[in-house]
Amino acid sequence: MTGETLRQLLEPLIGESGSISMVVSRIGHIGFITSENKKLTGVELRPDGLLRLERETGWAVIDPEGVVAVVWDSELEASAGQFL
């Protein structure tokens, strides 16, 4: 996946509560909760092609080339909804 595509998918989730999950090749499933106190506050495509995700409580940097799927679920509780 390109950094621009991943940025476009995640940018609308800024300020939303829920969970974001990704499937990353050679690594597996990663995910994080965006709750009331840990909302996504920014998504930046860096000049080196990596994507920086900012949250109220910290940040993460992701290599978008390895991402093969992205899921956002607005439900914070476990459900029989979306699975990766």
N, C-alpha and C. Protein backbone atom coordinates (compact mmCIF):
# COMPACT_ATOMS: atom_id res chain seq x y z
N MET A 1 0.86 -1.17 0.00
CA MET A 1 0.00 0.00 0.00
C MET A 1 0.90 1.23 0.00
N THR A 2 0.49 2.26 -0.68
CA THR A 2 1.30 3.48 -0.69
C THR A 2 1.03 4.31 0.57
N GLY A 3 1.98 5.15 0.92
CA GLY A 3 1.81 6.03 2.06
C GLY A 3 0.65 6.98 1.87
N GLU A 4 0.46 7.47 0.65
CA GLU A 4 -0.63 8.39 0.37
C GLU A 4 -1.99 7.70 0.54
N THR A 5 -2.10 6.46 0.08
CA THR A 5 -3.35 5.71 0.23
C THR A 5 -3.65 5.48 1.71
N LEU A 6 -2.66 5.06 2.47
CA LEU A 6 -2.85 4.82 3.89
C LEU A 6 -3.21 6.11 4.61
N ARG A 7 -2.56 7.21 4.25
CA ARG A 7 -2.89 8.51 4.85
C ARG A 7 -4.34 8.88 4.57
N GLN A 8 -4.79 8.67 3.33
CA GLN A 8 -6.17 9.00 2.96
C GLN A 8 -7.18 8.14 3.71
N LEU A 9 -6.82 6.89 4.00
CA LEU A 9 -7.72 6.02 4.75
C LEU A 9 -7.80 6.42 6.22
N LEU A 10 -6.68 6.84 6.80
CA LEU A 10 -6.64 7.13 8.23
C LEU A 10 -7.01 8.56 8.59
N GLU A 11 -6.78 9.51 7.71
CA GLU A 11 -7.04 10.91 8.03
C GLU A 11 -8.49 11.18 8.47
N PRO A 12 -9.51 10.57 7.84
CA PRO A 12 -10.88 10.82 8.30
C PRO A 12 -11.16 10.30 9.72
N LEU A 13 -10.28 9.49 10.27
CA LEU A 13 -10.48 8.92 11.60
C LEU A 13 -9.92 9.80 12.71
N ILE A 14 -9.29 10.91 12.34
CA ILE A 14 -8.75 11.84 13.34
C ILE A 14 -9.90 12.31 14.23
N GLY A 15 -9.71 12.15 15.54
CA GLY A 15 -10.71 12.58 16.51
C GLY A 15 -11.82 11.58 16.77
N GLU A 16 -11.84 10.46 16.05
CA GLU A 16 -12.89 9.45 16.22
C GLU A 16 -12.46 8.40 17.25
N SER A 17 -13.45 7.83 17.94
CA SER A 17 -13.19 6.72 18.84
C SER A 17 -13.46 5.41 18.12
N GLY A 18 -12.69 4.39 18.44
CA GLY A 18 -12.87 3.08 17.82
C GLY A 18 -11.56 2.32 17.85
N SER A 19 -11.39 1.41 16.90
CA SER A 19 -10.14 0.67 16.81
C SER A 19 -9.67 0.63 15.36
N ILE A 20 -8.38 0.71 15.18
CA ILE A 20 -7.76 0.63 13.86
C ILE A 20 -6.89 -0.62 13.86
N SER A 21 -7.10 -1.47 12.86
CA SER A 21 -6.32 -2.69 12.72
C SER A 21 -5.69 -2.72 11.34
N MET A 22 -4.49 -3.29 11.27
CA MET A 22 -3.79 -3.43 10.00
C MET A 22 -3.17 -4.82 9.92
N VAL A 23 -3.13 -5.35 8.72
CA VAL A 23 -2.39 -6.58 8.48
C VAL A 23 -1.12 -6.16 7.76
N VAL A 24 0.02 -6.54 8.34
CA VAL A 24 1.31 -6.15 7.81
C VAL A 24 2.05 -7.42 7.37
N SER A 25 2.52 -7.42 6.11
CA SER A 25 3.20 -8.60 5.59
C SER A 25 4.43 -8.92 6.43
N ARG A 26 4.70 -10.19 6.63
CA ARG A 26 5.82 -10.73 7.40
C ARG A 26 5.75 -10.41 8.89
N ILE A 27 4.71 -9.70 9.33
CA ILE A 27 4.57 -9.37 10.76
C ILE A 27 3.27 -9.92 11.31
N GLY A 28 2.18 -9.65 10.63
CA GLY A 28 0.86 -10.09 11.09
C GLY A 28 -0.03 -8.91 11.41
N HIS A 29 -0.92 -9.14 12.34
CA HIS A 29 -1.92 -8.15 12.72
C HIS A 29 -1.37 -7.18 13.76
N ILE A 30 -1.60 -5.90 13.54
CA ILE A 30 -1.32 -4.89 14.56
C ILE A 30 -2.58 -4.03 14.70
N GLY A 31 -2.77 -3.47 15.84
CA GLY A 31 -3.94 -2.63 16.02
C GLY A 31 -3.78 -1.72 17.22
N PHE A 32 -4.61 -0.71 17.25
CA PHE A 32 -4.63 0.17 18.40
C PHE A 32 -6.00 0.80 18.56
N ILE A 33 -6.33 1.10 19.80
CA ILE A 33 -7.61 1.69 20.16
C ILE A 33 -7.48 3.21 20.10
N THR A 34 -8.50 3.85 19.59
CA THR A 34 -8.57 5.31 19.62
C THR A 34 -9.78 5.66 20.49
N SER A 35 -9.54 5.72 21.80
CA SER A 35 -10.61 5.97 22.77
C SER A 35 -10.69 7.46 23.10
N GLU A 36 -11.54 7.78 24.03
CA GLU A 36 -11.76 9.17 24.43
C GLU A 36 -10.45 9.88 24.79
N ASN A 37 -9.52 9.18 25.46
CA ASN A 37 -8.27 9.79 25.91
C ASN A 37 -7.09 9.49 24.99
N LYS A 38 -7.30 8.70 23.95
CA LYS A 38 -6.20 8.29 23.06
C LYS A 38 -6.60 8.43 21.59
N LYS A 39 -7.27 9.49 21.27
CA LYS A 39 -7.72 9.68 19.90
C LYS A 39 -6.56 9.99 18.96
N LEU A 40 -6.74 9.59 17.72
CA LEU A 40 -5.79 9.94 16.67
C LEU A 40 -5.87 11.45 16.45
N THR A 41 -4.73 12.12 16.50
CA THR A 41 -4.72 13.59 16.36
C THR A 41 -4.04 14.05 15.08
N GLY A 42 -3.33 13.15 14.39
CA GLY A 42 -2.66 13.55 13.16
C GLY A 42 -2.12 12.37 12.39
N VAL A 43 -2.07 12.52 11.07
CA VAL A 43 -1.49 11.53 10.18
C VAL A 43 -0.61 12.29 9.20
N GLU A 44 0.69 11.97 9.20
CA GLU A 44 1.65 12.70 8.37
C GLU A 44 2.46 11.73 7.52
N LEU A 45 2.48 11.98 6.22
CA LEU A 45 3.35 11.22 5.33
C LEU A 45 4.70 11.93 5.32
N ARG A 46 5.71 11.27 5.87
CA ARG A 46 7.03 11.88 6.01
C ARG A 46 7.78 11.85 4.67
N PRO A 47 8.80 12.69 4.51
CA PRO A 47 9.58 12.72 3.27
C PRO A 47 10.26 11.38 2.93
N ASP A 48 10.54 10.56 3.96
CA ASP A 48 11.17 9.26 3.71
C ASP A 48 10.17 8.18 3.33
N GLY A 49 8.88 8.53 3.21
CA GLY A 49 7.85 7.59 2.80
C GLY A 49 7.15 6.88 3.93
N LEU A 50 7.64 7.05 5.15
CA LEU A 50 6.99 6.44 6.31
C LEU A 50 5.81 7.30 6.75
N LEU A 51 4.86 6.66 7.43
CA LEU A 51 3.66 7.36 7.89
C LEU A 51 3.73 7.51 9.41
N ARG A 52 3.58 8.74 9.90
CA ARG A 52 3.61 9.00 11.34
C ARG A 52 2.18 9.22 11.81
N LEU A 53 1.76 8.42 12.80
CA LEU A 53 0.45 8.54 13.41
C LEU A 53 0.62 9.20 14.77
N GLU A 54 -0.06 10.30 15.00
CA GLU A 54 0.02 11.03 16.27
C GLU A 54 -1.24 10.74 17.07
N ARG A 55 -1.05 10.47 18.37
CA ARG A 55 -2.17 10.34 19.29
C ARG A 55 -1.92 11.26 20.46
N GLU A 56 -2.96 11.49 21.25
CA GLU A 56 -2.83 12.37 22.41
C GLU A 56 -1.78 11.85 23.38
N THR A 57 -1.55 10.54 23.38
CA THR A 57 -0.65 9.93 24.35
C THR A 57 0.67 9.45 23.75
N GLY A 58 0.93 9.72 22.48
CA GLY A 58 2.17 9.28 21.87
C GLY A 58 2.07 9.25 20.36
N TRP A 59 2.97 8.50 19.72
CA TRP A 59 2.99 8.44 18.26
C TRP A 59 3.53 7.09 17.81
N ALA A 60 3.33 6.78 16.53
CA ALA A 60 3.86 5.57 15.92
C ALA A 60 4.28 5.91 14.50
N VAL A 61 5.29 5.21 14.00
CA VAL A 61 5.74 5.37 12.62
C VAL A 61 5.58 4.01 11.94
N ILE A 62 4.93 4.01 10.78
CA ILE A 62 4.61 2.78 10.06
C ILE A 62 5.19 2.84 8.65
N ASP A 63 5.73 1.71 8.19
CA ASP A 63 6.17 1.59 6.80
C ASP A 63 4.95 1.12 6.00
N PRO A 64 4.35 1.97 5.18
CA PRO A 64 3.11 1.61 4.49
C PRO A 64 3.28 0.52 3.44
N GLU A 65 4.50 0.28 2.97
CA GLU A 65 4.70 -0.74 1.93
C GLU A 65 4.31 -2.13 2.41
N GLY A 66 4.41 -2.40 3.70
CA GLY A 66 4.08 -3.72 4.22
C GLY A 66 2.62 -3.90 4.56
N VAL A 67 1.84 -2.81 4.57
CA VAL A 67 0.43 -2.89 4.96
C VAL A 67 -0.38 -3.45 3.80
N VAL A 68 -1.14 -4.53 4.08
CA VAL A 68 -1.95 -5.14 3.03
C VAL A 68 -3.45 -4.99 3.29
N ALA A 69 -3.85 -4.62 4.51
CA ALA A 69 -5.26 -4.41 4.83
C ALA A 69 -5.38 -3.46 6.01
N VAL A 70 -6.45 -2.65 6.01
CA VAL A 70 -6.74 -1.72 7.09
C VAL A 70 -8.22 -1.83 7.42
N VAL A 71 -8.53 -1.90 8.73
CA VAL A 71 -9.92 -1.97 9.18
C VAL A 71 -10.10 -0.96 10.29
N TRP A 72 -11.18 -0.21 10.23
CA TRP A 72 -11.57 0.67 11.34
C TRP A 72 -12.93 0.22 11.82
N ASP A 73 -13.09 0.11 13.12
CA ASP A 73 -14.35 -0.29 13.72
C ASP A 73 -14.70 0.74 14.78
N SER A 74 -15.87 1.35 14.66
CA SER A 74 -16.26 2.39 15.62
C SER A 74 -16.70 1.81 16.95
N GLU A 75 -16.93 0.50 17.01
CA GLU A 75 -17.32 -0.16 18.27
C GLU A 75 -16.07 -0.46 19.08
N LEU A 76 -16.04 -0.02 20.32
CA LEU A 76 -14.89 -0.30 21.19
C LEU A 76 -15.01 -1.67 21.84
N GLU A 77 -16.20 -2.23 21.89
CA GLU A 77 -16.40 -3.53 22.51
C GLU A 77 -16.29 -4.63 21.48
N ALA A 78 -15.83 -5.79 21.92
CA ALA A 78 -15.71 -6.94 21.02
C ALA A 78 -17.07 -7.32 20.46
N SER A 79 -17.11 -7.59 19.17
CA SER A 79 -18.36 -7.98 18.54
C SER A 79 -18.06 -9.02 17.46
N ALA A 80 -19.10 -9.55 16.90
CA ALA A 80 -18.94 -10.52 15.81
C ALA A 80 -18.85 -9.80 14.48
N GLY A 81 -18.39 -8.58 14.49
CA GLY A 81 -18.32 -7.75 13.29
C GLY A 81 -17.15 -8.09 12.40
N GLN A 82 -16.27 -7.18 12.20
CA GLN A 82 -15.18 -7.34 11.23
C GLN A 82 -14.02 -8.12 11.83
N PHE A 83 -13.49 -9.03 11.04
CA PHE A 83 -12.32 -9.80 11.43
C PHE A 83 -11.28 -9.68 10.34
N LEU A 84 -10.04 -9.75 10.71
CA LEU A 84 -8.95 -9.76 9.72
C LEU A 84 -8.38 -11.15 9.65
